[in-house]
Amino acid sequence: MTNIHLVGGEKGGVGKSLVARLIAQYMIDHSMPFLGFDSDRSHGALLRFYAGYASPVLIDQYESLDVIVEAATQAPERRILVDLAAQTQERLTQWMDDSQLLEVATELGLHIKYWHVMDTGKDSVDLLKRLLDRHGPRLNYVLVLNQIRGEEFRILDQSGEKERALSLGAVVISIRRLQESSMTKIDAASASFWAAANKSDGDTSGLGLLERQRVKVWLKNAFAEIEKAGV
């Protein structure tokens, strides 16, 4: 059974690519073979930070999306990681529906998991509702509560959508916020999270000793959450 991980959330700026990068680093650090696909044409994070593992994918071309499934079936031991750009859910869903992918996934030996990345806003909850309305029990869900803008997810808690997702077998995980200045330095250097945590001779990030230590702690916490969801 090959695991296909779709990292989305539709809304821009909620941290979809950050989560995709964390999953990629988790698999690298745990020696899990994987292949990444990046759907962001303007600034694809997987292509930038993990170029050796990622390829571009065009969401609006069925032939390009078909490559994801072909890659999954060719090497069952290899995981597939797809970083979905904002506002691509409708086209992805249309492709899955036209191909009846979710109906034949088991027959093809595929386990498809959707990581819905959320911030504390109502938009993220509305998008979660739309996702659950559309796919119901056909998908395996991970709700990723990204604490980039706060730790209180009251709107989600009061909406009933988290309970609904849990009733469908969803796993809920939280990603802590990394200090903004450290993340800015990591991004400016186009460094992987491993490179940010471990100084090398070619390092250009400018991260200090304690900054690297905080990155290590942050990664450890993020990996523990990812482990709950399973990859």
C-alpha atoms as a PDB file:
ATOM      1  CA  MET A   1       0.000   0.000   0.000  1.00  0.00           C
ATOM      2  CA  THR A   2       1.461   3.360  -1.074  1.00  0.00           C
ATOM      3  CA  ASN A   3       0.718   6.445   1.000  1.00  0.00           C
ATOM      4  CA  ILE A   4      -0.175   9.572  -0.975  1.00  0.00           C
ATOM      5  CA  HIS A   5      -0.107  12.705   1.174  1.00  0.00           C
ATOM      6  CA  LEU A   6      -1.998  15.701  -0.202  1.00  0.00           C
ATOM      7  CA  VAL A   7      -1.134  18.872   1.738  1.00  0.00           C
ATOM      8  CA  GLY A   8      -3.758  21.561   1.195  1.00  0.00           C
ATOM      9  CA  GLY A   9      -6.194  23.926   2.794  1.00  0.00           C
ATOM     10  CA  GLU A  10      -7.144  26.130  -0.178  1.00  0.00           C
ATOM     11  CA  LYS A  11      -6.561  29.388   1.703  1.00  0.00           C
ATOM     12  CA  GLY A  12      -3.323  31.228   0.975  1.00  0.00           C
ATOM     13  CA  GLY A  13      -0.944  31.984   3.823  1.00  0.00           C
ATOM     14  CA  VAL A  14      -2.040  29.254   6.243  1.00  0.00           C
ATOM     15  CA  GLY A  15       1.249  27.378   5.996  1.00  0.00           C
ATOM     16  CA  LYS A  16       0.551  24.558   3.533  1.00  0.00           C
ATOM     17  CA  SER A  17       4.066  24.631   2.132  1.00  0.00           C
ATOM     18  CA  LEU A  18       5.552  24.856   5.625  1.00  0.00           C
ATOM     19  CA  VAL A  19       3.739  21.647   6.564  1.00  0.00           C
ATOM     20  CA  ALA A  20       4.823  19.975   3.319  1.00  0.00           C
ATOM     21  CA  ARG A  21       8.433  20.915   4.105  1.00  0.00           C
ATOM     22  CA  LEU A  22       8.103  19.497   7.620  1.00  0.00           C
ATOM     23  CA  ILE A  23       6.710  16.211   6.297  1.00  0.00           C
ATOM     24  CA  ALA A  24       9.513  16.045   3.725  1.00  0.00           C
ATOM     25  CA  GLN A  25      12.148  16.624   6.409  1.00  0.00           C
ATOM     26  CA  TYR A  26      10.484  14.039   8.653  1.00  0.00           C
ATOM     27  CA  MET A  27      10.677  11.415   5.915  1.00  0.00           C
ATOM     28  CA  ILE A  28      14.282  12.281   5.105  1.00  0.00           C
ATOM     29  CA  ASP A  29      15.322  12.109   8.761  1.00  0.00           C
ATOM     30  CA  HIS A  30      13.530   8.760   9.164  1.00  0.00           C
ATOM     31  CA  SER A  31      14.997   7.301   5.940  1.00  0.00           C
ATOM     32  CA  MET A  32      11.586   6.963   4.300  1.00  0.00           C
ATOM     33  CA  PRO A  33      11.848   7.014   0.502  1.00  0.00           C
ATOM     34  CA  PHE A  34       9.473   9.532  -1.030  1.00  0.00           C
ATOM     35  CA  LEU A  35       8.783  11.597  -4.112  1.00  0.00           C
ATOM     36  CA  GLY A  36       7.464  15.135  -3.861  1.00  0.00           C
ATOM     37  CA  PHE A  37       5.238  17.042  -6.263  1.00  0.00           C
ATOM     38  CA  ASP A  38       4.844  20.821  -6.121  1.00  0.00           C
ATOM     39  CA  SER A  39       1.827  22.551  -7.690  1.00  0.00           C
ATOM     40  CA  ASP A  40       2.849  26.145  -6.973  1.00  0.00           C
ATOM     41  CA  ARG A  41       4.061  27.618 -10.249  1.00  0.00           C
ATOM     42  CA  SER A  42       5.308  30.917  -8.818  1.00  0.00           C
ATOM     43  CA  HIS A  43       7.278  29.914  -5.694  1.00  0.00           C
ATOM     44  CA  GLY A  44       7.103  26.194  -5.061  1.00  0.00           C
ATOM     45  CA  ALA A  45       8.537  25.430  -1.626  1.00  0.00           C
ATOM     46  CA  LEU A  46       9.343  21.747  -2.189  1.00  0.00           C
ATOM     47  CA  LEU A  47      11.130  22.589  -5.439  1.00  0.00           C
ATOM     48  CA  ARG A  48      13.088  25.319  -3.661  1.00  0.00           C
ATOM     49  CA  PHE A  49      14.016  23.663  -0.367  1.00  0.00           C
ATOM     50  CA  TYR A  50      13.992  19.958  -1.340  1.00  0.00           C
ATOM     51  CA  ALA A  51      14.821  20.090  -5.034  1.00  0.00           C
ATOM     52  CA  GLY A  52      16.385  16.641  -5.054  1.00  0.00           C
ATOM     53  CA  TYR A  53      13.097  15.051  -4.044  1.00  0.00           C
ATOM     54  CA  ALA A  54      10.488  17.115  -5.898  1.00  0.00           C
ATOM     55  CA  SER A  55       9.022  17.638  -9.358  1.00  0.00           C
ATOM     56  CA  PRO A  56       6.477  20.183 -10.616  1.00  0.00           C
ATOM     57  CA  VAL A  57       2.868  19.147 -11.214  1.00  0.00           C
ATOM     58  CA  LEU A  58       0.214  21.093 -13.135  1.00  0.00           C
ATOM     59  CA  ILE A  59      -3.124  20.885 -11.349  1.00  0.00           C
ATOM     60  CA  ASP A  60      -5.075  21.965 -14.418  1.00  0.00           C
ATOM     61  CA  GLN A  61      -3.695  19.159 -16.608  1.00  0.00           C
ATOM     62  CA  TYR A  62      -4.991  15.640 -16.041  1.00  0.00           C
ATOM     63  CA  GLU A  63      -1.921  14.115 -17.684  1.00  0.00           C
ATOM     64  CA  SER A  64       0.302  15.857 -15.157  1.00  0.00           C
ATOM     65  CA  LEU A  65      -1.821  14.744 -12.208  1.00  0.00           C
ATOM     66  CA  ASP A  66      -1.907  11.192 -13.556  1.00  0.00           C
ATOM     67  CA  VAL A  67       1.856  11.075 -13.045  1.00  0.00           C
ATOM     68  CA  ILE A  68       1.260  11.163  -9.268  1.00  0.00           C
ATOM     69  CA  VAL A  69      -0.685   7.907  -9.373  1.00  0.00           C
ATOM     70  CA  GLU A  70       1.727   6.338 -11.857  1.00  0.00           C
ATOM     71  CA  ALA A  71       4.631   7.144  -9.551  1.00  0.00           C
ATOM     72  CA  ALA A  72       2.771   5.697  -6.567  1.00  0.00           C
ATOM     73  CA  THR A  73       1.979   2.397  -8.266  1.00  0.00           C
ATOM     74  CA  GLN A  74       5.462   1.969  -9.728  1.00  0.00           C
ATOM     75  CA  ALA A  75       7.185   1.915  -6.326  1.00  0.00           C
ATOM     76  CA  PRO A  76       4.794   0.845  -3.534  1.00  0.00           C
ATOM     77  CA  GLU A  77       7.446   1.316  -0.840  1.00  0.00           C
ATOM     78  CA  ARG A  78       7.880   4.990  -1.764  1.00  0.00           C
ATOM     79  CA  ARG A  79       5.619   7.636  -0.265  1.00  0.00           C
ATOM     80  CA  ILE A  80       4.184  10.448  -2.380  1.00  0.00           C
ATOM     81  CA  LEU A  81       4.001  14.017  -1.036  1.00  0.00           C
ATOM     82  CA  VAL A  82       1.987  16.659  -2.907  1.00  0.00           C
ATOM     83  CA  ASP A  83       2.151  20.338  -1.923  1.00  0.00           C
ATOM     84  CA  LEU A  84      -1.088  21.912  -3.172  1.00  0.00           C
ATOM     85  CA  ALA A  85      -1.124  25.606  -3.989  1.00  0.00           C
ATOM     86  CA  ALA A  86      -4.002  27.822  -2.874  1.00  0.00           C
ATOM     87  CA  GLN A  87      -7.275  27.569  -4.791  1.00  0.00           C
ATOM     88  CA  THR A  88      -6.486  24.247  -6.448  1.00  0.00           C
ATOM     89  CA  GLN A  89      -8.952  22.057  -4.549  1.00  0.00           C
ATOM     90  CA  GLU A  90     -11.745  22.257  -7.127  1.00  0.00           C
ATOM     91  CA  ARG A  91      -9.518  21.148  -9.993  1.00  0.00           C
ATOM     92  CA  LEU A  92      -7.981  18.394  -7.892  1.00  0.00           C
ATOM     93  CA  THR A  93     -11.441  17.170  -6.878  1.00  0.00           C
ATOM     94  CA  GLN A  94     -12.644  17.204 -10.477  1.00  0.00           C
ATOM     95  CA  TRP A  95      -9.675  15.072 -11.497  1.00  0.00           C
ATOM     96  CA  MET A  96     -10.305  12.621  -8.664  1.00  0.00           C
ATOM     97  CA  ASP A  97     -14.027  12.419  -9.472  1.00  0.00           C
ATOM     98  CA  ASP A  98     -13.548  11.977 -13.222  1.00  0.00           C
ATOM     99  CA  SER A  99     -10.964   9.271 -12.545  1.00  0.00           C
ATOM    100  CA  GLN A 100     -12.969   7.741  -9.669  1.00  0.00           C
ATOM    101  CA  LEU A 101      -9.649   7.731  -7.852  1.00  0.00           C
ATOM    102  CA  LEU A 102     -11.057   7.463  -4.345  1.00  0.00           C
ATOM    103  CA  GLU A 103     -13.291   4.572  -5.396  1.00  0.00           C
ATOM    104  CA  VAL A 104     -10.444   2.537  -6.916  1.00  0.00           C
ATOM    105  CA  ALA A 105      -7.683   3.607  -4.520  1.00  0.00           C
ATOM    106  CA  THR A 106      -7.733   0.369  -2.529  1.00  0.00           C
ATOM    107  CA  GLU A 107      -7.722  -1.711  -5.708  1.00  0.00           C
ATOM    108  CA  LEU A 108      -4.670   0.239  -6.894  1.00  0.00           C
ATOM    109  CA  GLY A 109      -2.957  -0.185  -3.519  1.00  0.00           C
ATOM    110  CA  LEU A 110      -3.202   3.508  -2.607  1.00  0.00           C
ATOM    111  CA  HIS A 111      -3.879   5.091   0.773  1.00  0.00           C
ATOM    112  CA  ILE A 112      -4.755   8.745   0.203  1.00  0.00           C
ATOM    113  CA  LYS A 113      -4.456  11.176   3.097  1.00  0.00           C
ATOM    114  CA  TYR A 114      -5.456  14.841   2.960  1.00  0.00           C
ATOM    115  CA  TRP A 115      -3.667  17.224   5.359  1.00  0.00           C
ATOM    116  CA  HIS A 116      -5.995  20.231   5.775  1.00  0.00           C
ATOM    117  CA  VAL A 117      -3.819  23.073   7.060  1.00  0.00           C
ATOM    118  CA  MET A 118      -5.706  25.686   9.080  1.00  0.00           C
ATOM    119  CA  ASP A 119      -5.146  28.980  10.835  1.00  0.00           C
ATOM    120  CA  THR A 120      -7.457  30.441  13.485  1.00  0.00           C
ATOM    121  CA  GLY A 121      -9.745  32.232  11.015  1.00  0.00           C
ATOM    122  CA  LYS A 122     -13.289  31.421   9.941  1.00  0.00           C
ATOM    123  CA  ASP A 123     -12.193  30.948   6.315  1.00  0.00           C
ATOM    124  CA  SER A 124     -10.253  27.827   7.284  1.00  0.00           C
ATOM    125  CA  VAL A 125     -13.301  26.376   9.030  1.00  0.00           C
ATOM    126  CA  ASP A 126     -15.554  27.156   6.069  1.00  0.00           C
ATOM    127  CA  LEU A 127     -13.073  25.448   3.747  1.00  0.00           C
ATOM    128  CA  LEU A 128     -12.937  22.423   6.048  1.00  0.00           C
ATOM    129  CA  LYS A 129     -16.736  22.188   5.929  1.00  0.00           C
ATOM    130  CA  ARG A 130     -16.638  22.315   2.135  1.00  0.00           C
ATOM    131  CA  LEU A 131     -13.984  19.589   2.063  1.00  0.00           C
ATOM    132  CA  LEU A 132     -15.970  17.295   4.366  1.00  0.00           C
ATOM    133  CA  ASP A 133     -19.208  17.989   2.467  1.00  0.00           C
ATOM    134  CA  ARG A 134     -17.532  17.046  -0.790  1.00  0.00           C
ATOM    135  CA  HIS A 135     -15.649  13.908   0.222  1.00  0.00           C
ATOM    136  CA  GLY A 136     -17.184  12.659   3.459  1.00  0.00           C
ATOM    137  CA  PRO A 137     -15.767   9.267   4.472  1.00  0.00           C
ATOM    138  CA  ARG A 138     -13.998   8.728   1.139  1.00  0.00           C
ATOM    139  CA  LEU A 139     -10.837  10.542   2.282  1.00  0.00           C
ATOM    140  CA  ASN A 140      -8.475  10.123   5.217  1.00  0.00           C
ATOM    141  CA  TYR A 141      -8.096  13.490   6.950  1.00  0.00           C
ATOM    142  CA  VAL A 142      -5.475  15.200   9.073  1.00  0.00           C
ATOM    143  CA  LEU A 143      -6.453  18.592  10.487  1.00  0.00           C
ATOM    144  CA  VAL A 144      -3.280  20.626  10.928  1.00  0.00           C
ATOM    145  CA  LEU A 145      -3.758  23.499  13.370  1.00  0.00           C
ATOM    146  CA  ASN A 146      -0.927  25.835  12.421  1.00  0.00           C
ATOM    147  CA  GLN A 147      -0.253  28.311  15.212  1.00  0.00           C
ATOM    148  CA  ILE A 148       1.259  30.967  12.941  1.00  0.00           C
ATOM    149  CA  ARG A 149      -1.305  33.559  14.035  1.00  0.00           C
ATOM    150  CA  GLY A 150      -2.373  32.284  17.430  1.00  0.00           C
ATOM    151  CA  GLU A 151      -2.991  29.257  19.594  1.00  0.00           C
ATOM    152  CA  GLU A 152      -6.741  29.653  20.119  1.00  0.00           C
ATOM    153  CA  PHE A 153      -8.855  27.797  17.554  1.00  0.00           C
ATOM    154  CA  ARG A 154     -12.159  28.833  19.107  1.00  0.00           C
ATOM    155  CA  ILE A 155     -14.014  29.260  15.824  1.00  0.00           C
ATOM    156  CA  LEU A 156     -13.146  25.686  14.859  1.00  0.00           C
ATOM    157  CA  ASP A 157     -14.016  24.375  18.319  1.00  0.00           C
ATOM    158  CA  GLN A 158     -17.425  26.065  18.253  1.00  0.00           C
ATOM    159  CA  SER A 159     -18.266  25.139  14.663  1.00  0.00           C
ATOM    160  CA  GLY A 160     -18.822  21.422  15.151  1.00  0.00           C
ATOM    161  CA  GLU A 161     -16.634  20.697  12.131  1.00  0.00           C
ATOM    162  CA  LYS A 162     -13.759  19.293  14.196  1.00  0.00           C
ATOM    163  CA  GLU A 163     -16.115  16.791  15.832  1.00  0.00           C
ATOM    164  CA  ARG A 164     -17.507  15.937  12.420  1.00  0.00           C
ATOM    165  CA  ALA A 165     -14.006  15.322  11.070  1.00  0.00           C
ATOM    166  CA  LEU A 166     -13.131  13.205  14.111  1.00  0.00           C
ATOM    167  CA  SER A 167     -16.255  11.102  13.522  1.00  0.00           C
ATOM    168  CA  LEU A 168     -14.861  10.406  10.042  1.00  0.00           C
ATOM    169  CA  GLY A 169     -11.600   9.171  11.537  1.00  0.00           C
ATOM    170  CA  ALA A 170      -9.589  12.383  11.215  1.00  0.00           C
ATOM    171  CA  VAL A 171      -6.447  13.020  13.237  1.00  0.00           C
ATOM    172  CA  VAL A 172      -5.901  16.508  14.666  1.00  0.00           C
ATOM    173  CA  ILE A 173      -2.353  17.805  15.129  1.00  0.00           C
ATOM    174  CA  SER A 174      -0.850  21.176  16.071  1.00  0.00           C
ATOM    175  CA  ILE A 175       2.233  22.883  14.673  1.00  0.00           C
ATOM    176  CA  ARG A 176       3.799  25.442  16.982  1.00  0.00           C
ATOM    177  CA  ARG A 177       4.918  28.813  15.714  1.00  0.00           C
ATOM    178  CA  LEU A 178       8.657  29.241  15.123  1.00  0.00           C
ATOM    179  CA  GLN A 179      10.104  32.654  15.959  1.00  0.00           C
ATOM    180  CA  GLU A 180       9.567  34.832  12.889  1.00  0.00           C
ATOM    181  CA  SER A 181      13.151  36.095  12.652  1.00  0.00           C
ATOM    182  CA  SER A 182      14.478  32.524  12.579  1.00  0.00           C
ATOM    183  CA  MET A 183      12.024  31.463   9.889  1.00  0.00           C
ATOM    184  CA  THR A 184      12.945  34.541   7.846  1.00  0.00           C
ATOM    185  CA  LYS A 185      16.636  33.608   7.998  1.00  0.00           C
ATOM    186  CA  ILE A 186      15.885  30.001   6.994  1.00  0.00           C
ATOM    187  CA  ASP A 187      13.794  31.109   4.043  1.00  0.00           C
ATOM    188  CA  ALA A 188      16.288  33.765   2.943  1.00  0.00           C
ATOM    189  CA  ALA A 189      19.030  31.127   2.807  1.00  0.00           C
ATOM    190  CA  SER A 190      16.723  28.608   1.039  1.00  0.00           C
ATOM    191  CA  ALA A 191      17.860  26.154   3.703  1.00  0.00           C
ATOM    192  CA  SER A 192      16.270  22.844   4.571  1.00  0.00           C
ATOM    193  CA  PHE A 193      15.148  22.472   8.157  1.00  0.00           C
ATOM    194  CA  TRP A 194      18.022  20.022   8.732  1.00  0.00           C
ATOM    195  CA  ALA A 195      20.505  22.626   7.510  1.00  0.00           C
ATOM    196  CA  ALA A 196      18.878  25.220   9.766  1.00  0.00           C
ATOM    197  CA  ALA A 197      19.247  23.010  12.814  1.00  0.00           C
ATOM    198  CA  ASN A 198      22.769  21.780  12.043  1.00  0.00           C
ATOM    199  CA  LYS A 199      25.481  24.279  11.117  1.00  0.00           C
ATOM    200  CA  SER A 200      27.693  23.366   8.167  1.00  0.00           C
ATOM    201  CA  ASP A 201      30.679  25.018   6.497  1.00  0.00           C
ATOM    202  CA  GLY A 202      28.543  26.355   3.664  1.00  0.00           C
ATOM    203  CA  ASP A 203      25.827  27.781   5.902  1.00  0.00           C
ATOM    204  CA  THR A 204      24.569  31.230   4.880  1.00  0.00           C
ATOM    205  CA  SER A 205      21.536  31.535   7.158  1.00  0.00           C
ATOM    206  CA  GLY A 206      23.211  33.538   9.911  1.00  0.00           C
ATOM    207  CA  LEU A 207      21.355  31.576  12.575  1.00  0.00           C
ATOM    208  CA  GLY A 208      22.965  31.816  16.001  1.00  0.00           C
ATOM    209  CA  LEU A 209      23.661  28.966  18.399  1.00  0.00           C
ATOM    210  CA  LEU A 210      20.486  29.410  20.439  1.00  0.00           C
ATOM    211  CA  GLU A 211      18.410  30.024  17.308  1.00  0.00           C
ATOM    212  CA  ARG A 212      19.526  26.645  15.986  1.00  0.00           C
ATOM    213  CA  GLN A 213      18.667  25.080  19.318  1.00  0.00           C
ATOM    214  CA  ARG A 214      15.158  26.561  19.113  1.00  0.00           C
ATOM    215  CA  VAL A 215      14.799  25.200  15.573  1.00  0.00           C
ATOM    216  CA  LYS A 216      15.782  21.744  16.871  1.00  0.00           C
ATOM    217  CA  VAL A 217      13.171  21.932  19.636  1.00  0.00           C
ATOM    218  CA  TRP A 218      10.545  23.173  17.182  1.00  0.00           C
ATOM    219  CA  LEU A 219      11.355  20.351  14.756  1.00  0.00           C
ATOM    220  CA  LYS A 220      11.198  17.762  17.519  1.00  0.00           C
ATOM    221  CA  ASN A 221       7.734  18.966  18.530  1.00  0.00           C
ATOM    222  CA  ALA A 222       6.537  19.109  14.911  1.00  0.00           C
ATOM    223  CA  PHE A 223       7.837  15.607  14.204  1.00  0.00           C
ATOM    224  CA  ALA A 224       6.024  14.253  17.266  1.00  0.00           C
ATOM    225  CA  GLU A 225       2.780  15.692  15.889  1.00  0.00           C
ATOM    226  CA  ILE A 226       3.413  14.326  12.394  1.00  0.00           C
ATOM    227  CA  GLU A 227       4.071  10.931  13.934  1.00  0.00           C
ATOM    228  CA  LYS A 228       0.566  10.990  15.440  1.00  0.00           C
ATOM    229  CA  ALA A 229      -0.915  11.325  11.965  1.00  0.00           C
ATOM    230  CA  GLY A 230       1.348   8.718  10.417  1.00  0.00           C
ATOM    231  CA  VAL A 231       3.203   8.957   7.139  1.00  0.00           C
END
